[in-house]
Amino acid sequence: MRILVASFFKCKLLYKYFFQKKWALILLAMFFFFMEMKCSRTSPTNPEKEVDGKAWQVVKSFPHDTLAFTQGLLVRDGFFYESTGLYGKSSLRKIKISTGEILQIQSLPANIFAEGLAFDGMNFVQLTWLNGIGYIYEPDSFSLKNTFAYKRQGWGITYDGHFLIMSDGSDSLFYWDPISLIEIKALGVTFDGVPIEHLNELEFIDNQIWANIWKSDSIAIINPGDGIVATWLDMSGILSAGERTATADVMNGIAWDEITNAIFITGKLWPKVYQIQLPESQ
């Protein structure tokens, strides 16, 4: 009985304390709420378009193979070239843009999980995820010219006209000499001083590096001089609810047609490739 009485008075004292302090608690709760709103509006992995990002619009859409686990995408001579992943399904493909028809395909061994793809001006360079092996292909026949080894995971890769630039899922990009394939330097990527991790598929567009952020709807547009994210593209909603299938995976695939200035976006197992337009190009 004594314990019950003591507990009763203890609860009353706690209630009295919190009742007297309720306005302070409300103000404190409001403070944390607004701080949370501020943080969410500047989140480096899911920024809101009106705060940190550029507006965009879909210009056209094109068919995409829903069995293609897209790891790398680029445009060359009016065709898509795509690297697809997954063990037993990895490949290099040439694709007709307007129809999605696979015109040419080079399948990889079943124990290889392919990743990013770049064209260095002479050859296609394809990464693998955990195998530590890169492939160099003759661009027209897809014949294998050479392989090379590297020590980190392979995620994305692009070419800036001087160096191959690759990602490994961390907050850094790695510059390779395109001839020797020796790593020249690493570039840390940040936004508001915060390292940006999960850098994935890459494309070099108008002297900036575009990077998919794995497991997000965001694309980071990176200044290659200092690694700072200049702006973001929040691509949420580009794959509509009606187009999103049960198997559609994350956004992953950025391609730029330097001749027409067209930019294309897709994802792993997505049904479409989307051509987008930014305000300054409208």
Protein backbone atom coordinates (compact mmCIF):
# COMPACT_ATOMS: atom_id res chain seq x y z
CA MET A 1 0.00 0.00 0.00
CA ARG A 2 2.84 2.37 0.88
CA ILE A 3 4.39 1.69 -2.48
CA LEU A 4 1.12 2.50 -4.26
CA VAL A 5 0.70 5.76 -2.35
CA ALA A 6 4.30 6.75 -3.05
CA SER A 7 3.83 5.96 -6.71
CA PHE A 8 0.63 8.03 -6.77
CA PHE A 9 2.34 11.08 -5.29
CA LYS A 10 5.32 10.60 -7.56
CA CYS A 11 3.03 10.57 -10.60
CA LYS A 12 1.21 13.65 -9.32
CA LEU A 13 4.50 15.50 -8.86
CA LEU A 14 5.61 14.53 -12.34
CA TYR A 15 2.26 15.64 -13.77
CA LYS A 16 2.46 18.94 -11.90
CA TYR A 17 6.00 19.50 -13.15
CA PHE A 18 5.16 18.79 -16.74
CA PHE A 19 1.92 20.81 -16.53
CA GLN A 20 3.86 23.82 -15.25
CA LYS A 21 6.48 23.32 -17.93
CA LYS A 22 4.07 22.55 -20.78
CA TRP A 23 4.69 25.78 -22.64
CA ALA A 24 8.42 25.29 -22.45
CA LEU A 25 7.99 21.76 -23.78
CA ILE A 26 5.73 22.97 -26.59
CA LEU A 27 8.28 25.58 -27.59
CA LEU A 28 11.04 22.99 -27.45
CA ALA A 29 9.01 20.61 -29.60
CA MET A 30 8.35 23.38 -32.11
CA PHE A 31 12.08 24.16 -32.23
CA PHE A 32 12.98 20.55 -33.05
CA PHE A 33 10.15 20.36 -35.60
CA PHE A 34 11.40 23.39 -37.51
CA MET A 35 14.99 22.17 -37.28
CA GLU A 36 13.89 18.86 -38.76
CA MET A 37 12.09 20.68 -41.55
CA LYS A 38 15.21 22.72 -42.25
CA CYS A 39 17.40 19.63 -42.35
CA SER A 40 15.01 17.78 -44.64
CA ARG A 41 14.92 20.73 -47.02
CA THR A 42 18.68 20.73 -47.36
CA SER A 43 19.29 16.98 -47.27
CA PRO A 44 22.14 16.18 -49.65
CA THR A 45 20.52 12.92 -50.71
CA ASN A 46 16.97 14.15 -51.23
CA PRO A 47 16.94 17.93 -51.72
CA GLU A 48 13.74 19.73 -52.63
CA LYS A 49 13.77 21.25 -56.09
CA GLU A 50 12.59 24.66 -54.89
CA VAL A 51 15.38 24.90 -52.30
CA ASP A 52 18.54 23.48 -53.79
CA GLY A 53 17.72 22.02 -57.17
CA LYS A 54 16.98 22.95 -60.76
CA ALA A 55 13.60 22.44 -62.33
CA TRP A 56 13.37 19.94 -65.17
CA GLN A 57 10.78 18.57 -67.52
CA VAL A 58 10.41 15.43 -69.57
CA VAL A 59 10.64 16.15 -73.29
CA LYS A 60 10.24 12.61 -74.63
CA SER A 61 10.30 9.03 -73.43
CA PHE A 62 11.62 5.93 -75.15
CA PRO A 63 11.14 2.18 -74.56
CA HIS A 64 13.62 0.47 -72.25
CA ASP A 65 14.16 -3.23 -71.66
CA THR A 66 12.62 -4.05 -68.28
CA LEU A 67 15.10 -6.92 -67.94
CA ALA A 68 18.07 -4.52 -68.23
CA PHE A 69 19.63 -3.86 -64.82
CA THR A 70 21.15 -0.58 -65.96
CA GLN A 71 24.63 0.17 -64.61
CA GLY A 72 25.95 2.53 -67.26
CA LEU A 73 24.38 4.45 -70.12
CA LEU A 74 25.85 6.66 -72.84
CA VAL A 75 25.11 8.02 -76.31
CA ARG A 76 27.46 7.58 -79.25
CA ASP A 77 26.70 8.23 -82.94
CA GLY A 78 22.96 8.40 -82.29
CA PHE A 79 22.66 5.11 -80.36
CA PHE A 80 22.43 4.18 -76.71
CA TYR A 81 25.19 1.98 -75.32
CA GLU A 82 24.31 0.30 -72.05
CA SER A 83 26.07 -1.80 -69.46
CA THR A 84 23.74 -4.14 -67.59
CA GLY A 85 24.49 -5.91 -64.34
CA LEU A 86 23.53 -8.96 -62.27
CA TYR A 87 25.35 -12.28 -62.27
CA GLY A 88 24.47 -14.30 -65.33
CA LYS A 89 22.81 -11.29 -67.01
CA SER A 90 25.63 -8.77 -67.39
CA SER A 91 26.19 -7.37 -70.86
CA LEU A 92 27.27 -4.56 -73.15
CA ARG A 93 24.55 -3.44 -75.55
CA LYS A 94 23.97 -1.19 -78.54
CA ILE A 95 20.38 0.05 -78.61
CA LYS A 96 18.21 1.92 -81.09
CA ILE A 97 17.03 4.97 -79.16
CA SER A 98 13.59 5.37 -80.72
CA THR A 99 12.46 1.76 -80.26
CA GLY A 100 14.65 0.28 -77.53
CA GLU A 101 15.64 -2.51 -79.90
CA ILE A 102 18.86 -4.29 -78.97
CA LEU A 103 21.00 -4.11 -82.09
CA GLN A 104 24.14 -5.71 -80.67
CA ILE A 105 25.00 -7.45 -77.44
CA GLN A 106 28.12 -8.82 -75.78
CA SER A 107 27.28 -11.05 -72.81
CA LEU A 108 29.74 -11.41 -69.95
CA PRO A 109 30.62 -14.60 -68.03
CA ALA A 110 28.05 -15.72 -65.45
CA ASN A 111 30.40 -14.93 -62.55
CA ILE A 112 30.76 -11.27 -63.61
CA PHE A 113 28.58 -8.45 -62.28
CA ALA A 114 29.04 -5.56 -64.73
CA GLU A 115 28.84 -1.93 -63.67
CA GLY A 116 29.64 1.47 -65.25
CA LEU A 117 30.45 2.19 -68.89
CA ALA A 118 32.46 4.95 -70.58
CA PHE A 119 33.76 5.74 -74.06
CA ASP A 120 37.27 7.20 -73.91
CA GLY A 121 37.34 8.40 -77.50
CA MET A 122 38.73 5.12 -78.80
CA ASN A 123 37.25 2.25 -76.81
CA PHE A 124 34.45 1.30 -74.46
CA VAL A 125 35.60 0.80 -70.87
CA GLN A 126 33.36 -1.31 -68.64
CA LEU A 127 33.72 -1.85 -64.90
CA THR A 128 32.69 -4.77 -62.73
CA TRP A 129 31.36 -4.54 -59.20
CA LEU A 130 33.40 -6.91 -57.00
CA ASN A 131 35.47 -8.77 -59.56
CA GLY A 132 38.19 -6.11 -59.73
CA ILE A 133 38.34 -6.50 -63.52
CA GLY A 134 37.73 -3.91 -66.20
CA TYR A 135 37.03 -4.65 -69.86
CA ILE A 136 38.16 -2.69 -72.91
CA TYR A 137 36.15 -3.20 -76.11
CA GLU A 138 36.58 -2.19 -79.72
CA PRO A 139 33.59 0.13 -80.17
CA ASP A 140 32.10 -1.22 -83.39
CA SER A 141 32.53 -4.96 -83.09
CA PHE A 142 32.48 -5.19 -79.25
CA SER A 143 35.51 -7.45 -79.55
CA LEU A 144 37.47 -7.63 -76.30
CA LYS A 145 40.77 -5.83 -76.71
CA ASN A 146 42.07 -6.08 -73.16
CA THR A 147 41.27 -6.44 -69.49
CA PHE A 148 42.77 -4.61 -66.53
CA ALA A 149 42.72 -4.89 -62.76
CA TYR A 150 41.83 -2.35 -60.08
CA LYS A 151 41.61 -2.66 -56.32
CA ARG A 152 38.40 -0.91 -55.31
CA GLN A 153 34.76 -1.67 -56.07
CA GLY A 154 33.57 -0.58 -59.50
CA TRP A 155 30.38 1.49 -59.65
CA GLY A 156 30.24 4.30 -62.25
CA ILE A 157 32.67 5.64 -64.83
CA THR A 158 32.80 8.53 -67.31
CA TYR A 159 35.34 10.36 -69.46
CA ASP A 160 36.01 14.11 -69.32
CA GLY A 161 38.18 14.27 -72.44
CA HIS A 162 41.38 13.85 -70.45
CA PHE A 163 40.76 11.33 -67.67
CA LEU A 164 38.50 8.43 -66.89
CA ILE A 165 36.59 9.27 -63.70
CA MET A 166 35.18 6.39 -61.65
CA SER A 167 33.12 5.95 -58.50
CA ASP A 168 33.17 3.16 -55.95
CA GLY A 169 30.08 4.02 -53.90
CA SER A 170 32.00 6.22 -51.48
CA ASP A 171 32.14 10.04 -51.26
CA SER A 172 35.10 10.23 -53.65
CA LEU A 173 35.70 10.14 -57.38
CA PHE A 174 38.90 8.66 -58.78
CA TYR A 175 40.75 9.95 -61.84
CA TRP A 176 42.53 7.42 -64.05
CA ASP A 177 44.97 7.95 -66.86
CA PRO A 178 43.04 6.54 -69.88
CA ILE A 179 46.13 4.87 -71.37
CA SER A 180 47.85 3.32 -68.37
CA LEU A 181 44.64 3.13 -66.27
CA ILE A 182 46.72 4.23 -63.28
CA GLU A 183 44.90 6.25 -60.64
CA ILE A 184 46.08 9.87 -60.76
CA LYS A 185 44.08 11.48 -57.97
CA ALA A 186 40.99 11.26 -55.78
CA LEU A 187 38.37 13.99 -55.54
CA GLY A 188 36.19 14.23 -52.44
CA VAL A 189 32.60 15.29 -53.12
CA THR A 190 30.76 17.52 -50.64
CA PHE A 191 27.64 19.65 -50.26
CA ASP A 192 27.56 22.38 -47.59
CA GLY A 193 30.69 20.77 -46.18
CA VAL A 194 29.03 17.34 -45.85
CA PRO A 195 30.59 14.40 -47.75
CA ILE A 196 28.19 12.92 -50.30
CA GLU A 197 28.32 9.14 -50.29
CA HIS A 198 26.88 6.50 -52.63
CA LEU A 199 28.11 8.21 -55.79
CA ASN A 200 27.05 5.82 -58.51
CA GLU A 201 26.52 6.15 -62.28
CA LEU A 202 28.42 9.11 -63.77
CA GLU A 203 28.19 11.31 -66.85
CA PHE A 204 30.37 14.28 -67.81
CA ILE A 205 28.05 17.02 -69.13
CA ASP A 206 29.13 20.57 -70.05
CA ASN A 207 32.23 20.48 -67.85
CA GLN A 208 30.36 19.12 -64.84
CA ILE A 209 30.08 15.64 -63.40
CA TRP A 210 26.57 14.31 -62.99
CA ALA A 211 26.22 11.49 -60.47
CA ASN A 212 23.30 9.31 -59.47
CA ILE A 213 23.08 8.94 -55.70
CA TRP A 214 22.38 5.28 -55.01
CA LYS A 215 18.98 4.52 -53.46
CA SER A 216 17.74 8.08 -53.95
CA ASP A 217 15.93 10.10 -56.58
CA SER A 218 18.70 12.70 -56.60
CA ILE A 219 21.35 13.55 -59.15
CA ALA A 220 24.33 15.57 -57.92
CA ILE A 221 25.86 18.03 -60.40
CA ILE A 222 29.46 18.32 -59.27
CA ASN A 223 32.12 20.93 -59.95
CA PRO A 224 35.17 18.87 -61.01
CA GLY A 225 37.56 21.57 -59.80
CA ASP A 226 36.73 21.30 -56.09
CA GLY A 227 34.26 18.42 -55.79
CA ILE A 228 31.48 20.67 -54.48
CA VAL A 229 27.93 19.86 -55.57
CA ALA A 230 26.89 22.93 -57.53
CA THR A 231 23.24 21.95 -57.63
CA TRP A 232 20.87 19.01 -57.42
CA LEU A 233 18.23 17.46 -59.59
CA ASP A 234 15.39 15.93 -57.58
CA MET A 235 14.07 13.37 -60.06
CA SER A 236 11.31 12.01 -57.86
CA GLY A 237 8.21 11.41 -59.90
CA ILE A 238 9.96 10.99 -63.25
CA LEU A 239 8.85 7.35 -63.17
CA SER A 240 5.11 7.73 -62.59
CA ALA A 241 3.06 5.40 -60.41
CA GLY A 242 1.50 3.92 -63.53
CA GLU A 243 4.91 3.21 -65.05
CA ARG A 244 6.46 1.84 -61.87
CA THR A 245 6.38 -1.93 -61.95
CA ALA A 246 6.89 -4.35 -59.09
CA THR A 247 10.43 -5.05 -60.31
CA ALA A 248 11.53 -1.49 -61.18
CA ASP A 249 14.62 -0.71 -59.12
CA VAL A 250 16.48 2.52 -58.36
CA MET A 251 17.22 5.32 -60.81
CA ASN A 252 20.59 4.67 -62.41
CA GLY A 253 21.58 5.83 -65.85
CA ILE A 254 22.55 9.25 -67.22
CA ALA A 255 23.49 9.82 -70.85
CA TRP A 256 24.33 12.99 -72.79
CA ASP A 257 24.25 13.47 -76.54
CA GLU A 258 26.88 16.16 -77.03
CA ILE A 259 25.70 16.79 -80.60
CA THR A 260 22.04 17.51 -79.81
CA ASN A 261 22.58 18.45 -76.13
CA ALA A 262 19.93 15.90 -75.16
CA ILE A 263 20.08 14.41 -71.65
CA PHE A 264 18.60 10.99 -70.92
CA ILE A 265 17.64 9.41 -67.58
CA THR A 266 16.65 5.84 -66.75
CA GLY A 267 16.89 3.24 -64.00
CA LYS A 268 17.48 -0.42 -63.28
CA LEU A 269 14.71 -2.50 -64.86
CA TRP A 270 12.77 0.63 -65.81
CA PRO A 271 10.29 0.49 -68.69
CA LYS A 272 11.42 3.79 -70.21
CA VAL A 273 14.33 6.13 -70.83
CA TYR A 274 13.38 9.79 -70.37
CA GLN A 275 14.82 12.75 -72.22
CA ILE A 276 14.80 15.74 -69.89
CA GLN A 277 15.33 19.45 -70.37
CA LEU A 278 16.62 22.05 -67.92
CA PRO A 279 15.41 25.67 -67.85
CA GLU A 280 18.49 27.20 -69.48
CA SER A 281 18.09 24.93 -72.51
CA GLN A 282 14.40 25.64 -73.00
